[in-house]
Amino acid sequence: MSINRTATPLIDAPRGLAGVVVAETEIGDVRGRQGFYHYRQYSAVELAQTRGFEDVWHLLVHGALPDAERRAAFTAETAVLRRLPEEVRAALPAIAAASRVSGPLSGLRTALSLLGAAQGMRPVYDIDADRRRADTLAACAAVPTLLTALYRLGQGLDPVEPREDLAHAANYLYMLTGEEPEPQRARAVEQYLISTIDHGFNPSTFTARVIASTGADVVACLTGAVGALSGPLHGGAPSRALETLDAIGTPDRIDSWVRERVLDGDRIMGFGHAVYRTEDPRSRMLREIAQSFGGPRVDFAVEVERGVEAILAELKPGRALHTNVEFYAGVVMELCGLPREMFTPTFAAARVVGWSANILEQAADSKIIRPVARYVGPEPPVAVPAQP
């Protein structure tokens, strides 16, 4: 039996805080039953289909889509911020070596912390809104440079310096591969990045806001969010979903492979979502992008999707388990030449913008997020036994 010893009445919340409203936001929302999500007042999928990454970044940070003049100014402002301070550049080989096994996302936590220190970022509690916004822009612009440099160093290659004349997504691919990307690939990656900028109060976004509520600096908030994203139940699934295609191998194995795993209680990676009770709109868009490339890999992915959904509907009736964003995200990123170890880091390169928008919103509210845990252990006080 637990006893409330606080002055504030305790409110029991469901496991995982499912359905619990913890804040108000103007950034966006996910309507899981409708299969729809939005950034501010616009459909996120429509934005991905019709706008560039810089436009949507501007929308989340400044609250409005830019006109041509503001787009040019914002693009120029953020492109300059892609270059890293010398002290950060000098430390990247050691960070890459230390994170060789765990990968670039792990190294990003260290590199981000160093970036914040090198740029003298101060607690959001102590700076005004303009300075907070400037700090988020600097961090968001640097994350793709950090990730690609860490990956290349881990492969024994030299980092590729960013180019200010390339758009955000094209520059990301250029820094990763050392070659200017084909327009179709650059646009496909851009659409993926836009579609994953924000997605409600997911664990990493909530983590960023909790840290921001303490008044910590921008990179402290982002580093915590990266840690949350690294978990396989959150951001670590795109490569695992692609491994599902590898494991099945051929169309004739779909039925037997899927049935065996479902009956064993295993999760089919790339299917099902904590919020959506219908088709994930991101998956639908990414499927269309994949099909625009065509080829046997895409055809097989579509066939696997249909087979898995049919078997899940049969064996788990009423569950409405469809492909989520990770399934076709993996296919699209593979088609665009990204190595699998960069799938989740690429997710982070997009989501850092959404985290930053949430950090700015949270920093405007000085109330710290401080829930309580219900103690259910042995009733204290118990005398401490004598030391033997």
Protein backbone atom coordinates (compact mmCIF):
# COMPACT_ATOMS: atom_id res chain seq x y z
CA MET A 1 0.00 0.00 0.00
CA SER A 2 1.41 3.44 -0.92
CA ILE A 3 0.93 6.59 1.11
CA ASN A 4 0.79 10.12 -0.27
CA ARG A 5 3.25 12.22 1.73
CA THR A 6 3.19 15.25 -0.59
CA ALA A 7 1.11 18.39 -0.27
CA THR A 8 -0.23 17.93 -3.80
CA PRO A 9 -2.87 15.25 -4.47
CA LEU A 10 -1.51 12.39 -6.55
CA ILE A 11 -3.04 11.63 -9.92
CA ASP A 12 -2.59 8.11 -11.25
CA ALA A 13 -1.58 8.10 -14.92
CA PRO A 14 -1.67 5.13 -17.32
CA ARG A 15 1.56 3.32 -18.10
CA GLY A 16 3.67 5.29 -20.53
CA LEU A 17 1.51 8.38 -19.89
CA ALA A 18 -0.71 7.22 -22.75
CA GLY A 19 -3.38 9.82 -23.43
CA VAL A 20 -2.15 12.20 -20.73
CA VAL A 21 -2.01 15.86 -21.79
CA VAL A 22 1.13 17.43 -20.30
CA ALA A 23 1.35 20.71 -22.23
CA GLU A 24 -0.22 22.93 -24.86
CA THR A 25 1.59 23.42 -28.16
CA GLU A 26 1.25 25.43 -31.35
CA ILE A 27 3.86 23.36 -33.20
CA GLY A 28 1.74 20.48 -34.46
CA ASP A 29 -0.28 17.40 -33.63
CA VAL A 30 -0.92 13.79 -34.63
CA ARG A 31 -4.49 12.62 -35.17
CA GLY A 32 -3.99 8.90 -35.03
CA ARG A 33 -7.52 7.79 -35.79
CA GLN A 34 -7.66 10.00 -38.89
CA GLY A 35 -4.20 9.06 -40.16
CA PHE A 36 -3.21 12.72 -40.28
CA TYR A 37 -0.56 14.93 -38.73
CA HIS A 38 0.34 18.56 -39.17
CA TYR A 39 3.01 21.20 -38.56
CA ARG A 40 1.23 24.25 -37.21
CA GLN A 41 -1.84 24.66 -39.46
CA TYR A 42 -0.51 22.74 -42.47
CA SER A 43 -0.60 19.05 -43.40
CA ALA A 44 2.92 17.71 -42.85
CA VAL A 45 2.62 15.41 -45.87
CA GLU A 46 1.45 18.26 -48.10
CA LEU A 47 4.40 20.34 -46.92
CA ALA A 48 6.75 17.47 -47.80
CA GLN A 49 5.19 17.18 -51.23
CA THR A 50 5.22 20.88 -52.10
CA ARG A 51 7.89 22.69 -50.07
CA GLY A 52 11.61 22.53 -49.38
CA PHE A 53 13.25 21.70 -46.07
CA GLU A 54 14.27 25.29 -45.37
CA ASP A 55 10.66 26.47 -45.76
CA VAL A 56 9.39 23.98 -43.18
CA TRP A 57 12.30 24.73 -40.85
CA HIS A 58 11.34 28.42 -41.05
CA LEU A 59 7.71 27.51 -40.35
CA LEU A 60 8.55 25.66 -37.16
CA VAL A 61 11.04 28.21 -35.84
CA HIS A 62 9.36 31.45 -36.91
CA GLY A 63 5.74 30.33 -37.02
CA ALA A 64 5.08 31.06 -40.71
CA LEU A 65 6.07 29.87 -44.15
CA PRO A 66 8.53 32.28 -45.76
CA ASP A 67 7.99 34.33 -48.90
CA ALA A 68 10.74 34.29 -51.54
CA GLU A 69 12.74 37.04 -49.86
CA ARG A 70 12.59 35.50 -46.39
CA ARG A 71 13.37 32.06 -47.83
CA ALA A 72 16.54 33.37 -49.43
CA ALA A 73 17.59 35.14 -46.24
CA PHE A 74 16.87 32.11 -44.02
CA THR A 75 18.64 29.73 -46.39
CA ALA A 76 21.72 31.94 -46.45
CA GLU A 77 21.64 32.39 -42.67
CA THR A 78 21.52 28.67 -41.93
CA ALA A 79 23.93 27.61 -44.70
CA VAL A 80 26.71 29.67 -43.11
CA LEU A 81 26.14 27.87 -39.81
CA ARG A 82 26.99 24.45 -41.31
CA ARG A 83 30.73 24.94 -40.75
CA LEU A 84 32.05 23.73 -37.41
CA PRO A 85 34.29 25.61 -34.97
CA GLU A 86 37.92 24.54 -35.28
CA GLU A 87 38.04 23.04 -31.77
CA VAL A 88 35.08 20.81 -32.64
CA ARG A 89 36.60 19.74 -35.97
CA ALA A 90 39.85 18.84 -34.25
CA ALA A 91 38.08 16.58 -31.75
CA LEU A 92 35.97 14.64 -34.25
CA PRO A 93 38.56 11.94 -35.09
CA ALA A 94 38.81 10.96 -31.43
CA ILE A 95 35.03 10.99 -31.03
CA ALA A 96 34.60 8.86 -34.16
CA ALA A 97 37.22 6.38 -32.94
CA ALA A 98 35.55 6.07 -29.53
CA SER A 99 32.11 5.55 -31.10
CA ARG A 100 33.24 3.22 -33.89
CA VAL A 101 31.11 0.35 -32.59
CA SER A 102 28.11 2.33 -31.38
CA GLY A 103 28.00 4.58 -34.44
CA PRO A 104 27.56 8.24 -35.41
CA LEU A 105 24.42 8.80 -33.34
CA SER A 106 26.34 7.91 -30.20
CA GLY A 107 29.19 10.18 -31.23
CA LEU A 108 26.71 12.98 -31.89
CA ARG A 109 25.93 13.27 -28.19
CA THR A 110 29.55 14.05 -27.39
CA ALA A 111 30.05 16.26 -30.43
CA LEU A 112 26.90 18.27 -29.70
CA SER A 113 28.01 18.91 -26.13
CA LEU A 114 31.37 20.11 -27.40
CA LEU A 115 29.68 22.35 -29.98
CA GLY A 116 27.59 24.02 -27.29
CA ALA A 117 30.63 24.61 -25.11
CA ALA A 118 32.72 25.91 -28.03
CA GLN A 119 30.01 28.36 -29.03
CA GLY A 120 29.40 29.50 -25.48
CA MET A 121 25.74 28.52 -25.40
CA ARG A 122 24.14 29.63 -22.17
CA PRO A 123 21.08 28.29 -20.31
CA VAL A 124 17.84 29.21 -22.07
CA TYR A 125 16.65 30.55 -18.71
CA ASP A 126 19.32 33.27 -18.87
CA ILE A 127 18.94 34.44 -22.49
CA ASP A 128 16.24 36.14 -24.53
CA ALA A 129 14.09 34.61 -27.26
CA ASP A 130 16.31 35.85 -30.11
CA ARG A 131 19.42 34.28 -28.58
CA ARG A 132 17.59 31.01 -27.96
CA ARG A 133 16.46 30.94 -31.58
CA ALA A 134 19.99 31.65 -32.79
CA ASP A 135 21.35 28.81 -30.68
CA THR A 136 18.83 26.34 -32.13
CA LEU A 137 19.68 27.40 -35.69
CA ALA A 138 23.39 26.92 -35.04
CA ALA A 139 22.82 23.45 -33.57
CA CYS A 140 20.39 22.30 -36.30
CA ALA A 141 22.70 23.47 -39.08
CA ALA A 142 25.70 21.73 -37.50
CA VAL A 143 24.08 18.34 -36.82
CA PRO A 144 24.26 17.08 -40.45
CA THR A 145 27.90 18.18 -40.63
CA LEU A 146 28.70 16.38 -37.38
CA LEU A 147 26.90 13.18 -38.37
CA THR A 148 28.43 12.88 -41.82
CA ALA A 149 31.91 13.71 -40.53
CA LEU A 150 31.65 11.09 -37.78
CA TYR A 151 30.45 8.48 -40.26
CA ARG A 152 33.21 9.16 -42.78
CA LEU A 153 35.92 9.23 -40.11
CA GLY A 154 34.62 5.91 -38.83
CA GLN A 155 35.04 4.52 -42.36
CA GLY A 156 38.61 5.80 -42.60
CA LEU A 157 37.62 8.67 -44.90
CA ASP A 158 38.17 12.40 -44.56
CA PRO A 159 35.13 14.56 -43.73
CA VAL A 160 33.64 16.55 -46.59
CA GLU A 161 33.22 20.25 -45.93
CA PRO A 162 29.69 21.64 -46.35
CA ARG A 163 28.71 23.72 -49.34
CA GLU A 164 26.63 26.85 -48.91
CA ASP A 165 25.33 26.73 -52.48
CA LEU A 166 23.47 23.45 -51.96
CA ALA A 167 20.08 23.08 -50.32
CA HIS A 168 19.96 21.42 -46.89
CA ALA A 169 19.16 17.87 -48.04
CA ALA A 170 21.45 17.96 -51.08
CA ASN A 171 24.30 19.23 -48.91
CA TYR A 172 23.68 16.42 -46.44
CA LEU A 173 24.05 13.80 -49.15
CA TYR A 174 27.08 15.62 -50.56
CA MET A 175 28.83 15.61 -47.18
CA LEU A 176 28.00 11.93 -46.74
CA THR A 177 29.16 10.68 -50.14
CA GLY A 178 31.53 13.37 -51.39
CA GLU A 179 29.51 13.65 -54.60
CA GLU A 180 26.79 16.10 -55.55
CA PRO A 181 23.58 14.01 -55.52
CA GLU A 182 21.22 13.45 -58.41
CA PRO A 183 18.15 15.73 -58.09
CA GLN A 184 15.74 12.80 -57.67
CA ARG A 185 17.73 11.41 -54.76
CA ALA A 186 18.18 14.80 -53.12
CA ARG A 187 14.46 15.50 -53.36
CA ALA A 188 13.52 12.07 -52.02
CA VAL A 189 15.75 12.54 -48.97
CA GLU A 190 14.40 16.07 -48.55
CA GLN A 191 10.83 14.77 -48.50
CA TYR A 192 11.79 12.12 -45.96
CA LEU A 193 13.48 14.74 -43.77
CA ILE A 194 10.46 17.04 -43.91
CA SER A 195 8.08 14.20 -43.07
CA THR A 196 10.02 13.34 -39.90
CA ILE A 197 10.78 16.84 -38.54
CA ASP A 198 8.11 16.55 -35.84
CA HIS A 199 5.52 14.05 -34.71
CA GLY A 200 3.70 15.07 -31.57
CA PHE A 201 4.94 14.42 -28.03
CA ASN A 202 7.07 11.42 -28.87
CA PRO A 203 9.65 10.31 -26.26
CA SER A 204 12.57 12.33 -27.64
CA THR A 205 10.52 15.51 -28.01
CA PHE A 206 9.15 15.12 -24.50
CA THR A 207 12.68 14.55 -23.22
CA ALA A 208 13.85 17.76 -24.90
CA ARG A 209 11.01 19.70 -23.31
CA VAL A 210 11.64 18.28 -19.85
CA ILE A 211 15.26 19.38 -20.04
CA ALA A 212 14.25 22.78 -21.45
CA SER A 213 11.89 23.23 -18.52
CA THR A 214 14.91 23.19 -16.20
CA GLY A 215 16.35 26.17 -18.08
CA ALA A 216 19.34 24.22 -19.46
CA ASP A 217 21.11 25.28 -22.66
CA VAL A 218 19.92 24.26 -26.11
CA VAL A 219 22.49 21.52 -26.71
CA ALA A 220 21.79 19.96 -23.31
CA CYS A 221 18.16 19.60 -24.40
CA LEU A 222 19.15 18.22 -27.81
CA THR A 223 21.67 15.77 -26.37
CA GLY A 224 18.99 14.29 -24.13
CA ALA A 225 16.64 14.01 -27.10
CA VAL A 226 19.30 12.20 -29.14
CA GLY A 227 19.69 9.72 -26.29
CA ALA A 228 15.95 9.01 -26.31
CA LEU A 229 15.88 8.68 -30.10
CA SER A 230 18.68 6.11 -30.05
CA GLY A 231 16.42 3.52 -28.44
CA PRO A 232 15.26 0.78 -30.86
CA LEU A 233 11.61 1.31 -29.83
CA HIS A 234 11.79 4.94 -30.96
CA GLY A 235 14.21 5.94 -33.71
CA GLY A 236 16.22 2.78 -34.19
CA ALA A 237 13.82 0.91 -36.48
CA PRO A 238 14.39 1.92 -40.15
CA SER A 239 17.36 -0.39 -40.65
CA ARG A 240 15.62 -3.15 -38.71
CA ALA A 241 12.58 -2.86 -40.96
CA LEU A 242 14.84 -3.28 -43.98
CA GLU A 243 16.29 -6.37 -42.35
CA THR A 244 12.77 -7.83 -42.47
CA LEU A 245 12.95 -7.73 -46.28
CA ASP A 246 16.36 -9.37 -46.19
CA ALA A 247 15.18 -12.12 -43.86
CA ILE A 248 12.13 -12.96 -45.99
CA GLY A 249 14.23 -12.93 -49.12
CA THR A 250 11.72 -14.07 -51.75
CA PRO A 251 7.94 -13.69 -52.25
CA ASP A 252 7.26 -17.39 -51.66
CA ARG A 253 8.60 -17.06 -48.08
CA ILE A 254 6.37 -14.17 -47.00
CA ASP A 255 3.50 -16.22 -45.62
CA SER A 256 5.53 -18.81 -43.70
CA TRP A 257 8.08 -16.31 -42.35
CA VAL A 258 5.49 -13.84 -41.09
CA ARG A 259 3.13 -16.46 -39.64
CA GLU A 260 5.94 -18.09 -37.69
CA ARG A 261 7.00 -14.82 -36.08
CA VAL A 262 3.51 -13.58 -35.30
CA LEU A 263 2.55 -16.90 -33.70
CA ASP A 264 5.77 -16.80 -31.67
CA GLY A 265 4.77 -13.36 -30.37
CA ASP A 266 7.56 -11.52 -32.21
CA ARG A 267 7.11 -7.99 -33.46
CA ILE A 268 7.33 -7.42 -37.22
CA MET A 269 9.55 -4.35 -37.47
CA GLY A 270 8.08 -1.62 -39.65
CA PHE A 271 4.46 -2.47 -38.80
CA GLY A 272 2.19 -0.95 -36.18
CA HIS A 273 2.39 2.41 -34.46
CA ALA A 274 1.68 3.69 -30.95
CA VAL A 275 -0.64 6.44 -32.24
CA TYR A 276 -1.98 5.58 -35.69
CA ARG A 277 -5.04 3.36 -35.94
CA THR A 278 -5.06 3.58 -39.70
CA GLU A 279 -2.38 3.82 -42.39
CA ASP A 280 0.59 5.98 -41.38
CA PRO A 281 0.46 8.95 -43.81
CA ARG A 282 4.25 9.11 -43.85
CA SER A 283 4.41 5.50 -45.01
CA ARG A 284 1.95 6.21 -47.81
CA MET A 285 4.03 9.14 -49.08
CA LEU A 286 7.31 7.26 -48.83
CA ARG A 287 5.83 4.29 -50.67
CA GLU A 288 4.96 6.63 -53.55
CA ILE A 289 8.50 8.03 -53.50
CA ALA A 290 9.95 4.52 -53.57
CA GLN A 291 7.69 3.53 -56.45
CA SER A 292 8.86 6.58 -58.41
CA PHE A 293 12.32 4.95 -58.40
CA GLY A 294 10.92 1.52 -59.27
CA GLY A 295 12.88 -1.73 -59.42
CA PRO A 296 12.64 -5.22 -57.94
CA ARG A 297 13.50 -4.08 -54.38
CA VAL A 298 10.54 -1.71 -54.36
CA ASP A 299 8.20 -4.27 -55.91
CA PHE A 300 9.22 -6.79 -53.27
CA ALA A 301 8.67 -4.27 -50.46
CA VAL A 302 5.15 -3.57 -51.69
CA GLU A 303 4.44 -7.31 -51.91
CA VAL A 304 5.76 -7.84 -48.37
CA GLU A 305 3.63 -4.98 -47.09
CA ARG A 306 0.47 -6.48 -48.55
CA GLY A 307 1.31 -9.95 -47.29
CA VAL A 308 2.18 -8.88 -43.76
CA GLU A 309 -0.90 -6.69 -43.42
CA ALA A 310 -3.16 -9.52 -44.62
CA ILE A 311 -1.65 -12.01 -42.16
CA LEU A 312 -1.77 -9.52 -39.27
CA ALA A 313 -5.42 -8.80 -40.04
CA GLU A 314 -6.12 -12.55 -39.94
CA LEU A 315 -4.12 -13.39 -36.82
CA LYS A 316 -4.67 -10.15 -34.90
CA PRO A 317 -8.18 -9.03 -35.90
CA GLY A 318 -9.19 -5.56 -34.81
CA ARG A 319 -5.62 -4.36 -34.26
CA ALA A 320 -5.34 -2.28 -37.50
CA LEU A 321 -1.62 -2.93 -37.92
CA HIS A 322 -0.22 -1.18 -40.98
CA THR A 323 3.24 -0.14 -42.15
CA ASN A 324 4.73 2.73 -40.22
CA VAL A 325 7.24 5.34 -41.38
CA GLU A 326 10.24 3.08 -40.77
CA PHE A 327 9.29 0.45 -43.35
CA TYR A 328 9.48 2.58 -46.48
CA ALA A 329 11.95 5.02 -44.93
CA GLY A 330 14.50 2.24 -45.05
CA VAL A 331 13.65 1.44 -48.67
CA VAL A 332 13.89 5.09 -49.76
CA MET A 333 17.15 5.73 -47.94
CA GLU A 334 18.68 2.60 -49.43
CA LEU A 335 17.60 3.73 -52.91
CA CYS A 336 19.26 7.10 -52.28
CA GLY A 337 22.56 5.48 -51.34
CA LEU A 338 22.55 5.95 -47.57
CA PRO A 339 24.28 3.19 -45.59
CA ARG A 340 22.11 1.48 -43.02
CA GLU A 341 24.13 2.74 -40.08
CA MET A 342 23.10 6.25 -41.15
CA PHE A 343 19.34 5.62 -41.22
CA THR A 344 18.63 6.62 -37.62
CA PRO A 345 21.22 9.44 -37.70
CA THR A 346 19.40 10.81 -40.76
CA PHE A 347 16.18 10.66 -38.76
CA ALA A 348 17.97 12.72 -36.10
CA ALA A 349 19.16 15.24 -38.70
CA ALA A 350 15.49 16.00 -39.39
CA ARG A 351 14.00 15.67 -35.92
CA VAL A 352 16.53 18.11 -34.43
CA VAL A 353 14.47 20.89 -36.02
CA GLY A 354 11.28 19.67 -34.34
CA TRP A 355 13.08 19.30 -31.02
CA SER A 356 14.37 22.85 -31.35
CA ALA A 357 10.91 24.26 -31.99
CA ASN A 358 9.67 22.48 -28.87
CA ILE A 359 12.64 23.73 -26.85
CA LEU A 360 11.83 27.31 -27.86
CA GLU A 361 8.18 26.86 -26.96
CA GLN A 362 9.00 25.25 -23.60
CA ALA A 363 11.62 27.87 -22.75
CA ALA A 364 8.93 30.53 -22.89
CA ASP A 365 7.27 28.83 -19.90
CA SER A 366 9.32 28.99 -16.70
CA LYS A 367 7.42 26.15 -15.00
CA ILE A 368 9.66 23.12 -14.46
CA ILE A 369 8.24 19.70 -15.41
CA ARG A 370 8.44 17.77 -12.17
CA PRO A 371 6.12 14.74 -11.80
CA VAL A 372 6.27 12.31 -8.91
CA ALA A 373 6.67 8.56 -8.57
CA ARG A 374 4.50 6.52 -6.23
CA TYR A 375 6.77 4.71 -3.76
CA VAL A 376 5.76 1.03 -3.41
CA GLY A 377 8.81 -0.36 -1.57
CA PRO A 378 9.13 -1.47 2.08
CA GLU A 379 7.56 0.98 4.51
CA PRO A 380 10.19 3.28 6.08
CA PRO A 381 11.70 4.06 8.43
CA VAL A 382 13.47 0.82 9.26
CA ALA A 383 16.48 0.92 11.55
CA VAL A 384 19.77 0.54 9.72
CA PRO A 385 21.38 -2.72 10.89
CA ALA A 386 24.68 -2.56 12.69
CA GLN A 387 27.73 -2.84 10.49
CA PRO A 388 29.04 -6.44 10.61
